[in-house]
Structures are given as structure tokens and as C-alpha cells.
Amino acid sequence: MDIKSSFTNDQILAWFDYYSKKSGIDIEKIKLIDISKKKKNLIPTIETHKRVLVFIDDGHPGFFFDLWESGLGDCEVWFNTGTDPNGDSTICHLSDMIDREISEPSVMLIINPNARSSYRLGIQNTNFSQGSVRYVASEIRAIIIQKLHLDDQDNICIISGESIAVESAMIANDGHIIAVEYNKHDRYSMEDNITKFGLQNVSIVDDTSRESMKDLPVPSLSFIVATKRFEEEIQNLLKLNPDMKFVVYTLELDILSDIISIFDKYKINRTEVVQISMSKLNNKGVFEAKPAPWILSGEPNV
């Protein structure tokens, strides 16, 4: 469904010109995000851009509090209400606006002095929800994310890979992540992470059945932590998209053998197979070997 923005293209361009002149910032240095049209990952965007021009409607009552709670209280906010630029902006720190509700279409320039210049692969595990999930090491996760070759508009299915889903959602900011969680406790952890990282492009489902996936974007890529359900998952995903690409993770040798045979059975060409070995120095000055997973990439034969 095509959702219309609260702002026309001419109004958006006028606001760009308004804030550029008021702040003295070149338009090309300002990132645009319109959340009146579609839910988007605003918090990660502000964290990685120094200047973000936000267009918003009246459906975000706790907007400023949510940003403050995410650690963005030091950001400077130039705030205006209405769809057309006029008058002076309210200028203050975001922390001073946490009790303010947005009751009409509004526009704001958010300046983050602590913004990172780019997204960093491999979020530390301590940053994730400390629930039931045992997260893969951040260094291994960084390699997995690299193997996914994500684009900002990709739709991706991720099965039992909670931290992979979080990082993928940040990169595929204009796409959609379908997180398959069989375990209800892991589902709770995934929900906590969605809230913690301010993600708007993640849907959690119970399985890969057509019924669970029917109202969601069709994924072009799947990341799967392989289990005994792997063949069922492959069958269901190929029914959704016969051109589906796969990246599969396992620590178990017998599962590895199953993956290879199932790939062959469903005519999925193995494009790459790697094993990752890693050791870390412990507090006694001794290197400890970490679990060494296999990662297989594949796509259907054409």
C-alpha cells in the first residue's frame, strides 16, 4: 500500500532551504528522514549522521522521550510545527524537550555532535538484551554481516539469529527484516532488542509457513542458524521466492552434512563455504579457542 506523506515534495524542499539558511549548513550535509510516510529507524540514523532533518506527523506522542532514553539528550534540536516553513524555530537540547508531545505535523533539524561517521559492524554483545539468547561473538557476527552483502533496501528472513537481525535492520534501513523465533523466550529477547535499538523495520514470526509470512514483504535473502528443521525451512522459503539466496550457520558437523545434502536436493548451488577459527586472550594470559562455525552461502541454480 502506498502511504502518502504529510508533506508534499515542494514543502520538503522548502524546509530544506529554510533550515539551510537559518543554520548556515549546506543542504548536501543534511540527511532527510520522513517518518510521517513510513516507520523508519530514526535512532540509528541520528546516531550515524551529524545533521538529520526529520518530518513527522501527530502519531508519535513519546517521540522526544524515546530519543532521550536512547542516549541522544545532548543533540541540539531546531523545532517547528506545521507543513510550511514560517516563523522562528525553537532551539534547545533534546533533553529539554522530553515532556513535549507532537500533536500536529512538525519538522525538526537534529544536530548530533557525537554522531559516528559510519555504521560499525560487530556490536558488542553487552549492548544486546541479556535475555535467553546466547549471542555469537561480535567478531564472527561482523564476518556474517559481511557475507550477507546487504543493501539498504533488502528484505531479509533471519531464522534464530537475533543479533544478526538487529545489525541487518540497521544496514537495510529502508528494507524489512523478518525474524523467525521458535522459542517464546528468544522472541521476548528479540522484542527487547527491537525496542532497545529503536528499530521499526523488524517483524517477528513464529515459523516460515506461508500463513506466518503472508502479510510481509517477500525476502530475497535468508540467514539461517541450521537445525533439524532446515529442510522444512528451505522448502517454505523457496515457495515464497524461488530465487532466494541463503547464508547458513552451524557449529555441528552432522548438521553441516545435512546442509550440503539438502542444498544438492533442492538444486541450491554452494557459492562459498568457510570455517571461522578464533582465539581470545583470557585474563590469565592464555589464548582460549572459541567455537569455530561453518558458514555456507548458496543460491538456486538458474
C-alpha atoms as a PDB file:
ATOM      1  CA  MET A   1       0.000   0.000   0.000  1.00  0.00           C
ATOM      2  CA  ASP A   2       1.290   3.422  -0.982  1.00  0.00           C
ATOM      3  CA  ILE A   3       1.204   5.621   2.145  1.00  0.00           C
ATOM      4  CA  LYS A   4       1.201   9.352   1.489  1.00  0.00           C
ATOM      5  CA  SER A   5       3.467  11.684   3.405  1.00  0.00           C
ATOM      6  CA  SER A   6       2.019  14.556   5.417  1.00  0.00           C
ATOM      7  CA  PHE A   7       4.345  16.768   3.367  1.00  0.00           C
ATOM      8  CA  THR A   8       4.496  17.435  -0.378  1.00  0.00           C
ATOM      9  CA  ASN A   9       7.789  17.402  -2.261  1.00  0.00           C
ATOM     10  CA  ASP A  10       7.620  21.199  -2.593  1.00  0.00           C
ATOM     11  CA  GLN A  11       7.152  21.584   1.161  1.00  0.00           C
ATOM     12  CA  ILE A  12      10.081  19.257   1.897  1.00  0.00           C
ATOM     13  CA  LEU A  13      12.333  21.244  -0.442  1.00  0.00           C
ATOM     14  CA  ALA A  14      11.162  24.491   1.171  1.00  0.00           C
ATOM     15  CA  TRP A  15      12.042  23.156   4.622  1.00  0.00           C
ATOM     16  CA  PHE A  16      15.498  22.145   3.385  1.00  0.00           C
ATOM     17  CA  ASP A  17      16.034  25.694   2.173  1.00  0.00           C
ATOM     18  CA  TYR A  18      14.624  27.165   5.407  1.00  0.00           C
ATOM     19  CA  TYR A  19      16.910  25.183   7.727  1.00  0.00           C
ATOM     20  CA  SER A  20      19.934  25.565   5.494  1.00  0.00           C
ATOM     21  CA  LYS A  21      19.605  29.351   5.611  1.00  0.00           C
ATOM     22  CA  LYS A  22      18.768  29.503   9.328  1.00  0.00           C
ATOM     23  CA  SER A  23      21.620  27.195  10.409  1.00  0.00           C
ATOM     24  CA  GLY A  24      24.185  28.045   7.739  1.00  0.00           C
ATOM     25  CA  ILE A  25      24.549  24.319   6.903  1.00  0.00           C
ATOM     26  CA  ASP A  26      24.793  23.210   3.270  1.00  0.00           C
ATOM     27  CA  ILE A  27      21.774  21.187   2.145  1.00  0.00           C
ATOM     28  CA  GLU A  28      24.034  18.358   0.915  1.00  0.00           C
ATOM     29  CA  LYS A  29      25.235  17.821   4.516  1.00  0.00           C
ATOM     30  CA  ILE A  30      21.731  17.198   5.861  1.00  0.00           C
ATOM     31  CA  LYS A  31      20.172  13.713   5.983  1.00  0.00           C
ATOM     32  CA  LEU A  32      16.416  13.543   5.273  1.00  0.00           C
ATOM     33  CA  ILE A  33      14.078  11.124   7.027  1.00  0.00           C
ATOM     34  CA  ASP A  34      10.289  11.293   6.650  1.00  0.00           C
ATOM     35  CA  ILE A  35       8.543   9.226   9.326  1.00  0.00           C
ATOM     36  CA  SER A  36       5.130  10.683   8.538  1.00  0.00           C
ATOM     37  CA  LYS A  37       5.052   8.391   5.491  1.00  0.00           C
ATOM     38  CA  LYS A  38       6.646   5.212   6.794  1.00  0.00           C
ATOM     39  CA  LYS A  39       8.143   3.890  10.017  1.00  0.00           C
ATOM     40  CA  LYS A  40      11.912   4.155   9.781  1.00  0.00           C
ATOM     41  CA  ASN A  41      14.915   3.540  12.011  1.00  0.00           C
ATOM     42  CA  LEU A  42      15.293   7.080  13.281  1.00  0.00           C
ATOM     43  CA  ILE A  43      17.574   6.384  16.260  1.00  0.00           C
ATOM     44  CA  PRO A  44      20.311   4.570  14.264  1.00  0.00           C
ATOM     45  CA  THR A  45      20.069   7.323  11.634  1.00  0.00           C
ATOM     46  CA  ILE A  46      20.682  10.069  14.192  1.00  0.00           C
ATOM     47  CA  GLU A  47      23.498   8.048  15.760  1.00  0.00           C
ATOM     48  CA  THR A  48      25.357   7.893  12.434  1.00  0.00           C
ATOM     49  CA  HIS A  49      24.590  11.345  10.966  1.00  0.00           C
ATOM     50  CA  LYS A  50      25.537  14.728  12.400  1.00  0.00           C
ATOM     51  CA  ARG A  51      22.546  16.535  10.869  1.00  0.00           C
ATOM     52  CA  VAL A  52      19.141  14.899  10.326  1.00  0.00           C
ATOM     53  CA  LEU A  53      16.056  16.721   9.036  1.00  0.00           C
ATOM     54  CA  VAL A  54      13.005  14.887  10.414  1.00  0.00           C
ATOM     55  CA  PHE A  55       9.465  15.158   9.041  1.00  0.00           C
ATOM     56  CA  ILE A  56       6.880  13.781  11.460  1.00  0.00           C
ATOM     57  CA  ASP A  57       3.110  13.653  11.954  1.00  0.00           C
ATOM     58  CA  ASP A  58       0.968  13.571  15.096  1.00  0.00           C
ATOM     59  CA  GLY A  59       1.259   9.811  15.648  1.00  0.00           C
ATOM     60  CA  HIS A  60       4.386   9.926  17.830  1.00  0.00           C
ATOM     61  CA  PRO A  61       3.374  11.172  21.302  1.00  0.00           C
ATOM     62  CA  GLY A  62       6.509   9.941  23.121  1.00  0.00           C
ATOM     63  CA  PHE A  63       8.926  10.910  20.362  1.00  0.00           C
ATOM     64  CA  PHE A  64      11.371  13.104  22.338  1.00  0.00           C
ATOM     65  CA  PHE A  65      11.341  10.869  25.411  1.00  0.00           C
ATOM     66  CA  ASP A  66      12.237   7.826  23.300  1.00  0.00           C
ATOM     67  CA  LEU A  67      15.198   9.678  21.758  1.00  0.00           C
ATOM     68  CA  TRP A  68      16.365  10.895  25.162  1.00  0.00           C
ATOM     69  CA  GLU A  69      16.115   7.372  26.609  1.00  0.00           C
ATOM     70  CA  SER A  70      18.353   6.149  23.763  1.00  0.00           C
ATOM     71  CA  GLY A  71      21.147   8.452  24.910  1.00  0.00           C
ATOM     72  CA  LEU A  72      20.577  11.299  22.438  1.00  0.00           C
ATOM     73  CA  GLY A  73      19.827  14.001  25.018  1.00  0.00           C
ATOM     74  CA  ASP A  74      22.877  16.074  24.016  1.00  0.00           C
ATOM     75  CA  CYS A  75      21.549  16.604  20.484  1.00  0.00           C
ATOM     76  CA  GLU A  76      20.541  20.125  19.502  1.00  0.00           C
ATOM     77  CA  VAL A  77      17.010  20.406  18.087  1.00  0.00           C
ATOM     78  CA  TRP A  78      15.628  23.139  15.807  1.00  0.00           C
ATOM     79  CA  PHE A  79      11.874  22.559  16.009  1.00  0.00           C
ATOM     80  CA  ASN A  80       8.914  23.913  14.013  1.00  0.00           C
ATOM     81  CA  THR A  81       5.274  22.899  13.683  1.00  0.00           C
ATOM     82  CA  GLY A  82       3.171  22.949  10.528  1.00  0.00           C
ATOM     83  CA  THR A  83       3.726  21.798   6.975  1.00  0.00           C
ATOM     84  CA  ASP A  84       5.038  25.083   5.573  1.00  0.00           C
ATOM     85  CA  PRO A  85       8.180  26.885   6.795  1.00  0.00           C
ATOM     86  CA  ASN A  86       7.489  30.114   8.626  1.00  0.00           C
ATOM     87  CA  GLY A  87       8.473  31.931  11.808  1.00  0.00           C
ATOM     88  CA  ASP A  88      11.394  31.130  14.072  1.00  0.00           C
ATOM     89  CA  SER A  89      12.496  27.722  15.300  1.00  0.00           C
ATOM     90  CA  THR A  90      12.518  26.588  18.897  1.00  0.00           C
ATOM     91  CA  ILE A  91      16.203  25.765  19.518  1.00  0.00           C
ATOM     92  CA  CYS A  92      17.271  23.720  22.545  1.00  0.00           C
ATOM     93  CA  HIS A  93      18.824  20.429  23.622  1.00  0.00           C
ATOM     94  CA  LEU A  94      16.724  17.327  23.099  1.00  0.00           C
ATOM     95  CA  SER A  95      16.883  16.629  26.851  1.00  0.00           C
ATOM     96  CA  ASP A  96      14.855  19.830  27.401  1.00  0.00           C
ATOM     97  CA  MET A  97      12.011  18.546  25.215  1.00  0.00           C
ATOM     98  CA  ILE A  98      11.302  15.115  26.698  1.00  0.00           C
ATOM     99  CA  ASP A  99       7.877  16.169  28.035  1.00  0.00           C
ATOM    100  CA  ARG A 100       6.776  17.745  24.767  1.00  0.00           C
ATOM    101  CA  GLU A 101       4.196  15.863  22.726  1.00  0.00           C
ATOM    102  CA  ILE A 102       3.807  16.163  18.963  1.00  0.00           C
ATOM    103  CA  SER A 103       0.162  16.887  18.165  1.00  0.00           C
ATOM    104  CA  GLU A 104       0.454  18.092  14.561  1.00  0.00           C
ATOM    105  CA  PRO A 105       2.775  17.694  11.549  1.00  0.00           C
ATOM    106  CA  SER A 106       6.184  19.026  12.555  1.00  0.00           C
ATOM    107  CA  VAL A 107       9.702  19.409  11.205  1.00  0.00           C
ATOM    108  CA  MET A 108      12.976  19.450  13.099  1.00  0.00           C
ATOM    109  CA  LEU A 109      16.674  19.620  12.392  1.00  0.00           C
ATOM    110  CA  ILE A 110      18.531  17.374  14.851  1.00  0.00           C
ATOM    111  CA  ILE A 111      22.249  18.056  15.212  1.00  0.00           C
ATOM    112  CA  ASN A 112      24.215  15.277  16.914  1.00  0.00           C
ATOM    113  CA  PRO A 113      27.741  16.349  17.937  1.00  0.00           C
ATOM    114  CA  ASN A 114      28.588  12.749  18.899  1.00  0.00           C
ATOM    115  CA  ALA A 115      27.497  11.094  15.643  1.00  0.00           C
ATOM    116  CA  ARG A 116      29.630   8.307  14.232  1.00  0.00           C
ATOM    117  CA  SER A 117      30.627   8.793  10.618  1.00  0.00           C
ATOM    118  CA  SER A 118      29.538   5.288   9.642  1.00  0.00           C
ATOM    119  CA  TYR A 119      27.842   2.172  10.962  1.00  0.00           C
ATOM    120  CA  ARG A 120      30.235  -0.128  12.831  1.00  0.00           C
ATOM    121  CA  LEU A 121      29.996  -3.866  12.220  1.00  0.00           C
ATOM    122  CA  GLY A 122      30.096  -6.178  15.204  1.00  0.00           C
ATOM    123  CA  ILE A 123      28.111  -4.600  18.065  1.00  0.00           C
ATOM    124  CA  GLN A 124      29.463  -5.776  21.421  1.00  0.00           C
ATOM    125  CA  ASN A 125      27.301  -8.491  22.989  1.00  0.00           C
ATOM    126  CA  THR A 126      26.920  -6.460  26.194  1.00  0.00           C
ATOM    127  CA  ASN A 127      24.783  -3.996  24.213  1.00  0.00           C
ATOM    128  CA  PHE A 128      22.119  -6.597  23.441  1.00  0.00           C
ATOM    129  CA  SER A 129      19.217  -7.640  25.659  1.00  0.00           C
ATOM    130  CA  GLN A 130      20.555 -10.025  28.286  1.00  0.00           C
ATOM    131  CA  GLY A 131      17.710 -12.498  27.993  1.00  0.00           C
ATOM    132  CA  SER A 132      17.633 -16.142  26.938  1.00  0.00           C
ATOM    133  CA  VAL A 133      19.791 -15.758  23.820  1.00  0.00           C
ATOM    134  CA  ARG A 134      23.454 -16.809  23.599  1.00  0.00           C
ATOM    135  CA  TYR A 135      24.822 -14.346  21.083  1.00  0.00           C
ATOM    136  CA  VAL A 136      27.540 -15.196  18.583  1.00  0.00           C
ATOM    137  CA  ALA A 137      30.864 -13.431  19.198  1.00  0.00           C
ATOM    138  CA  SER A 138      30.884  -9.890  17.790  1.00  0.00           C
ATOM    139  CA  GLU A 139      33.905 -10.656  15.562  1.00  0.00           C
ATOM    140  CA  ILE A 140      32.122 -13.632  13.988  1.00  0.00           C
ATOM    141  CA  ARG A 141      28.940 -11.608  13.597  1.00  0.00           C
ATOM    142  CA  ALA A 142      30.890  -8.959  11.689  1.00  0.00           C
ATOM    143  CA  ILE A 143      32.036 -11.642   9.231  1.00  0.00           C
ATOM    144  CA  ILE A 144      28.489 -12.977   8.853  1.00  0.00           C
ATOM    145  CA  ILE A 145      27.153  -9.486   8.129  1.00  0.00           C
ATOM    146  CA  GLN A 146      29.880  -9.038   5.524  1.00  0.00           C
ATOM    147  CA  LYS A 147      28.897 -12.349   3.895  1.00  0.00           C
ATOM    148  CA  LEU A 148      25.269 -11.188   3.624  1.00  0.00           C
ATOM    149  CA  HIS A 149      26.273  -8.287   1.305  1.00  0.00           C
ATOM    150  CA  LEU A 150      23.301  -6.230   2.452  1.00  0.00           C
ATOM    151  CA  ASP A 151      21.783  -3.321   0.594  1.00  0.00           C
ATOM    152  CA  ASP A 152      19.764  -0.601   2.339  1.00  0.00           C
ATOM    153  CA  GLN A 153      16.505  -1.761   0.685  1.00  0.00           C
ATOM    154  CA  ASP A 154      16.882  -5.528   1.140  1.00  0.00           C
ATOM    155  CA  ASN A 155      14.096  -7.677   2.596  1.00  0.00           C
ATOM    156  CA  ILE A 156      15.682 -10.469   4.640  1.00  0.00           C
ATOM    157  CA  CYS A 157      14.465 -13.510   6.573  1.00  0.00           C
ATOM    158  CA  ILE A 158      16.606 -14.357   9.608  1.00  0.00           C
ATOM    159  CA  ILE A 159      15.965 -17.577  11.498  1.00  0.00           C
ATOM    160  CA  SER A 160      17.130 -17.810  15.129  1.00  0.00           C
ATOM    161  CA  GLY A 161      19.762 -15.122  14.612  1.00  0.00           C
ATOM    162  CA  GLU A 162      18.707 -12.334  16.951  1.00  0.00           C
ATOM    163  CA  SER A 163      21.868 -10.212  16.897  1.00  0.00           C
ATOM    164  CA  ILE A 164      22.197 -10.727  13.124  1.00  0.00           C
ATOM    165  CA  ALA A 165      18.626  -9.431  12.760  1.00  0.00           C
ATOM    166  CA  VAL A 166      19.466  -6.286  14.756  1.00  0.00           C
ATOM    167  CA  GLU A 167      22.570  -5.408  12.740  1.00  0.00           C
ATOM    168  CA  SER A 168      20.859  -6.269   9.441  1.00  0.00           C
ATOM    169  CA  ALA A 169      17.928  -3.987  10.311  1.00  0.00           C
ATOM    170  CA  MET A 170      20.328  -1.088  10.824  1.00  0.00           C
ATOM    171  CA  ILE A 171      22.023  -1.633   7.456  1.00  0.00           C
ATOM    172  CA  ALA A 172      18.858  -2.448   5.462  1.00  0.00           C
ATOM    173  CA  ASN A 173      17.253   0.704   6.822  1.00  0.00           C
ATOM    174  CA  ASP A 174      14.702   1.008   4.001  1.00  0.00           C
ATOM    175  CA  GLY A 175      14.114  -2.740   3.748  1.00  0.00           C
ATOM    176  CA  HIS A 176      12.438  -5.196   6.113  1.00  0.00           C
ATOM    177  CA  ILE A 177      13.696  -7.926   8.443  1.00  0.00           C
ATOM    178  CA  ILE A 178      11.564 -10.986   9.169  1.00  0.00           C
ATOM    179  CA  ALA A 179      12.876 -12.559  12.376  1.00  0.00           C
ATOM    180  CA  VAL A 180      11.744 -16.165  12.837  1.00  0.00           C
ATOM    181  CA  GLU A 181      11.762 -17.090  16.540  1.00  0.00           C
ATOM    182  CA  TYR A 182      10.523 -20.547  17.534  1.00  0.00           C
ATOM    183  CA  ASN A 183      11.259 -20.137  21.248  1.00  0.00           C
ATOM    184  CA  LYS A 184       8.994 -17.727  23.120  1.00  0.00           C
ATOM    185  CA  HIS A 185      11.827 -16.613  25.428  1.00  0.00           C
ATOM    186  CA  ASP A 186      14.047 -15.829  22.434  1.00  0.00           C
ATOM    187  CA  ARG A 187      11.104 -13.923  20.992  1.00  0.00           C
ATOM    188  CA  TYR A 188      10.952 -11.788  24.144  1.00  0.00           C
ATOM    189  CA  SER A 189      14.686 -11.073  23.804  1.00  0.00           C
ATOM    190  CA  MET A 190      14.169 -10.082  20.155  1.00  0.00           C
ATOM    191  CA  GLU A 191      11.342  -7.737  21.163  1.00  0.00           C
ATOM    192  CA  ASP A 192      13.590  -6.168  23.816  1.00  0.00           C
ATOM    193  CA  ASN A 193      16.317  -5.619  21.218  1.00  0.00           C
ATOM    194  CA  ILE A 194      13.872  -4.007  18.777  1.00  0.00           C
ATOM    195  CA  THR A 195      12.897  -1.514  21.485  1.00  0.00           C
ATOM    196  CA  LYS A 196      16.454  -1.029  22.731  1.00  0.00           C
ATOM    197  CA  PHE A 197      17.847  -0.162  19.285  1.00  0.00           C
ATOM    198  CA  GLY A 198      14.784   1.792  18.088  1.00  0.00           C
ATOM    199  CA  LEU A 199      14.122  -0.480  15.110  1.00  0.00           C
ATOM    200  CA  GLN A 200      10.962  -0.012  13.045  1.00  0.00           C
ATOM    201  CA  ASN A 201      11.646  -2.443  10.198  1.00  0.00           C
ATOM    202  CA  VAL A 202      11.586  -5.803  12.018  1.00  0.00           C
ATOM    203  CA  SER A 203       8.658  -8.239  12.180  1.00  0.00           C
ATOM    204  CA  ILE A 204       8.810 -11.318  14.423  1.00  0.00           C
ATOM    205  CA  VAL A 205       7.044 -14.510  13.298  1.00  0.00           C
ATOM    206  CA  ASP A 206       6.703 -17.985  14.785  1.00  0.00           C
ATOM    207  CA  ASP A 207       7.832 -20.003  11.756  1.00  0.00           C
ATOM    208  CA  THR A 208       8.410 -19.950   7.996  1.00  0.00           C
ATOM    209  CA  SER A 209       4.933 -21.110   6.981  1.00  0.00           C
ATOM    210  CA  ARG A 210       3.012 -19.274   4.288  1.00  0.00           C
ATOM    211  CA  GLU A 211       0.440 -18.245   6.913  1.00  0.00           C
ATOM    212  CA  SER A 212       3.106 -16.545   9.069  1.00  0.00           C
ATOM    213  CA  MET A 213       4.654 -14.765   6.081  1.00  0.00           C
ATOM    214  CA  LYS A 214       1.523 -13.817   4.125  1.00  0.00           C
ATOM    215  CA  ASP A 215       1.331 -10.105   5.014  1.00  0.00           C
ATOM    216  CA  LEU A 216       5.077  -9.418   4.962  1.00  0.00           C
ATOM    217  CA  PRO A 217       7.471  -8.331   2.182  1.00  0.00           C
ATOM    218  CA  VAL A 218       8.902 -11.261   0.207  1.00  0.00           C
ATOM    219  CA  PRO A 219      12.546 -11.726   1.227  1.00  0.00           C
ATOM    220  CA  SER A 220      15.316 -12.085  -1.336  1.00  0.00           C
ATOM    221  CA  LEU A 221      17.839 -13.425   1.181  1.00  0.00           C
ATOM    222  CA  SER A 222      17.726 -15.685   4.230  1.00  0.00           C
ATOM    223  CA  PHE A 223      20.177 -16.188   7.067  1.00  0.00           C
ATOM    224  CA  ILE A 224      19.551 -19.479   8.877  1.00  0.00           C
ATOM    225  CA  VAL A 225      21.038 -20.917  12.050  1.00  0.00           C
ATOM    226  CA  ALA A 226      20.603 -24.512  10.887  1.00  0.00           C
ATOM    227  CA  THR A 227      18.768 -27.127  12.973  1.00  0.00           C
ATOM    228  CA  LYS A 228      16.844 -30.306  12.193  1.00  0.00           C
ATOM    229  CA  ARG A 229      14.114 -28.045  10.741  1.00  0.00           C
ATOM    230  CA  PHE A 230      16.456 -26.876   7.989  1.00  0.00           C
ATOM    231  CA  GLU A 231      14.861 -28.808   5.116  1.00  0.00           C
ATOM    232  CA  GLU A 232      11.367 -27.593   6.064  1.00  0.00           C
ATOM    233  CA  GLU A 233      12.685 -24.015   6.175  1.00  0.00           C
ATOM    234  CA  ILE A 234      14.307 -24.351   2.745  1.00  0.00           C
ATOM    235  CA  GLN A 235      11.089 -25.749   1.274  1.00  0.00           C
ATOM    236  CA  ASN A 236       8.953 -22.938   2.691  1.00  0.00           C
ATOM    237  CA  LEU A 237      11.359 -20.160   1.710  1.00  0.00           C
ATOM    238  CA  LEU A 238      11.754 -21.403  -1.862  1.00  0.00           C
ATOM    239  CA  LYS A 239       7.944 -21.432  -2.186  1.00  0.00           C
ATOM    240  CA  LEU A 240       7.965 -17.771  -1.157  1.00  0.00           C
ATOM    241  CA  ASN A 241      10.794 -16.889  -3.532  1.00  0.00           C
ATOM    242  CA  PRO A 242      12.287 -19.475  -5.920  1.00  0.00           C
ATOM    243  CA  ASP A 243      15.317 -17.180  -6.378  1.00  0.00           C
ATOM    244  CA  MET A 244      16.039 -16.935  -2.655  1.00  0.00           C
ATOM    245  CA  LYS A 245      19.703 -16.668  -1.661  1.00  0.00           C
ATOM    246  CA  PHE A 246      20.899 -18.338   1.535  1.00  0.00           C
ATOM    247  CA  VAL A 247      23.602 -17.878   4.151  1.00  0.00           C
ATOM    248  CA  VAL A 248      23.629 -20.750   6.660  1.00  0.00           C
ATOM    249  CA  TYR A 249      25.419 -21.022  10.015  1.00  0.00           C
ATOM    250  CA  THR A 250      26.191 -24.158  12.007  1.00  0.00           C
ATOM    251  CA  LEU A 251      28.573 -25.410  14.663  1.00  0.00           C
ATOM    252  CA  GLU A 252      27.625 -29.072  14.258  1.00  0.00           C
ATOM    253  CA  LEU A 253      29.354 -31.477  11.857  1.00  0.00           C
ATOM    254  CA  ASP A 254      26.270 -33.657  11.328  1.00  0.00           C
ATOM    255  CA  ILE A 255      24.171 -30.568  10.558  1.00  0.00           C
ATOM    256  CA  LEU A 256      26.860 -29.439   8.110  1.00  0.00           C
ATOM    257  CA  SER A 257      26.459 -32.726   6.247  1.00  0.00           C
ATOM    258  CA  ASP A 258      22.671 -32.239   6.180  1.00  0.00           C
ATOM    259  CA  ILE A 259      23.028 -28.701   4.799  1.00  0.00           C
ATOM    260  CA  ILE A 260      25.179 -29.900   1.912  1.00  0.00           C
ATOM    261  CA  SER A 261      22.826 -32.755   1.012  1.00  0.00           C
ATOM    262  CA  ILE A 262      19.726 -30.515   1.258  1.00  0.00           C
ATOM    263  CA  PHE A 263      21.384 -27.867  -0.911  1.00  0.00           C
ATOM    264  CA  ASP A 264      22.032 -30.575  -3.501  1.00  0.00           C
ATOM    265  CA  LYS A 265      18.486 -31.937  -3.214  1.00  0.00           C
ATOM    266  CA  TYR A 266      16.894 -28.536  -3.873  1.00  0.00           C
ATOM    267  CA  LYS A 267      19.413 -27.562  -6.541  1.00  0.00           C
ATOM    268  CA  ILE A 268      20.992 -24.776  -4.489  1.00  0.00           C
ATOM    269  CA  ASN A 269      24.473 -24.011  -5.735  1.00  0.00           C
ATOM    270  CA  ARG A 270      27.050 -23.640  -2.939  1.00  0.00           C
ATOM    271  CA  THR A 271      28.809 -20.380  -3.729  1.00  0.00           C
ATOM    272  CA  GLU A 272      31.070 -20.386  -0.676  1.00  0.00           C
ATOM    273  CA  VAL A 273      31.896 -22.494   2.373  1.00  0.00           C
ATOM    274  CA  VAL A 274      34.090 -21.092   5.127  1.00  0.00           C
ATOM    275  CA  GLN A 275      35.014 -22.065   8.658  1.00  0.00           C
ATOM    276  CA  ILE A 276      35.923 -19.336  11.147  1.00  0.00           C
ATOM    277  CA  SER A 277      38.511 -20.055  13.835  1.00  0.00           C
ATOM    278  CA  MET A 278      39.147 -17.514  16.576  1.00  0.00           C
ATOM    279  CA  SER A 279      41.035 -17.389  19.869  1.00  0.00           C
ATOM    280  CA  LYS A 280      40.927 -14.747  22.583  1.00  0.00           C
ATOM    281  CA  LEU A 281      43.411 -13.917  25.293  1.00  0.00           C
ATOM    282  CA  ASN A 282      41.873 -14.504  28.724  1.00  0.00           C
ATOM    283  CA  ASN A 283      42.674 -12.736  31.997  1.00  0.00           C
ATOM    284  CA  LYS A 284      45.364 -15.360  32.733  1.00  0.00           C
ATOM    285  CA  GLY A 285      47.282 -14.514  29.578  1.00  0.00           C
ATOM    286  CA  VAL A 286      46.255 -17.744  27.843  1.00  0.00           C
ATOM    287  CA  PHE A 287      44.598 -17.910  24.425  1.00  0.00           C
ATOM    288  CA  GLU A 288      41.254 -19.700  24.510  1.00  0.00           C
ATOM    289  CA  ALA A 289      39.860 -21.186  21.304  1.00  0.00           C
ATOM    290  CA  LYS A 290      36.278 -20.156  20.583  1.00  0.00           C
ATOM    291  CA  PRO A 291      33.694 -22.329  18.769  1.00  0.00           C
ATOM    292  CA  ALA A 292      34.533 -22.496  15.057  1.00  0.00           C
ATOM    293  CA  PRO A 293      31.334 -22.249  12.968  1.00  0.00           C
ATOM    294  CA  TRP A 294      30.853 -23.141   9.323  1.00  0.00           C
ATOM    295  CA  ILE A 295      29.141 -20.578   7.106  1.00  0.00           C
ATOM    296  CA  LEU A 296      27.717 -21.727   3.766  1.00  0.00           C
ATOM    297  CA  SER A 297      26.366 -19.445   1.062  1.00  0.00           C
ATOM    298  CA  GLY A 298      24.146 -20.669  -1.744  1.00  0.00           C
ATOM    299  CA  GLU A 299      21.646 -19.686  -4.397  1.00  0.00           C
ATOM    300  CA  PRO A 300      19.342 -21.712  -6.656  1.00  0.00           C
ATOM    301  CA  ASN A 301      20.745 -22.904  -9.964  1.00  0.00           C
ATOM    302  CA  VAL A 302      19.489 -20.844 -12.884  1.00  0.00           C
END
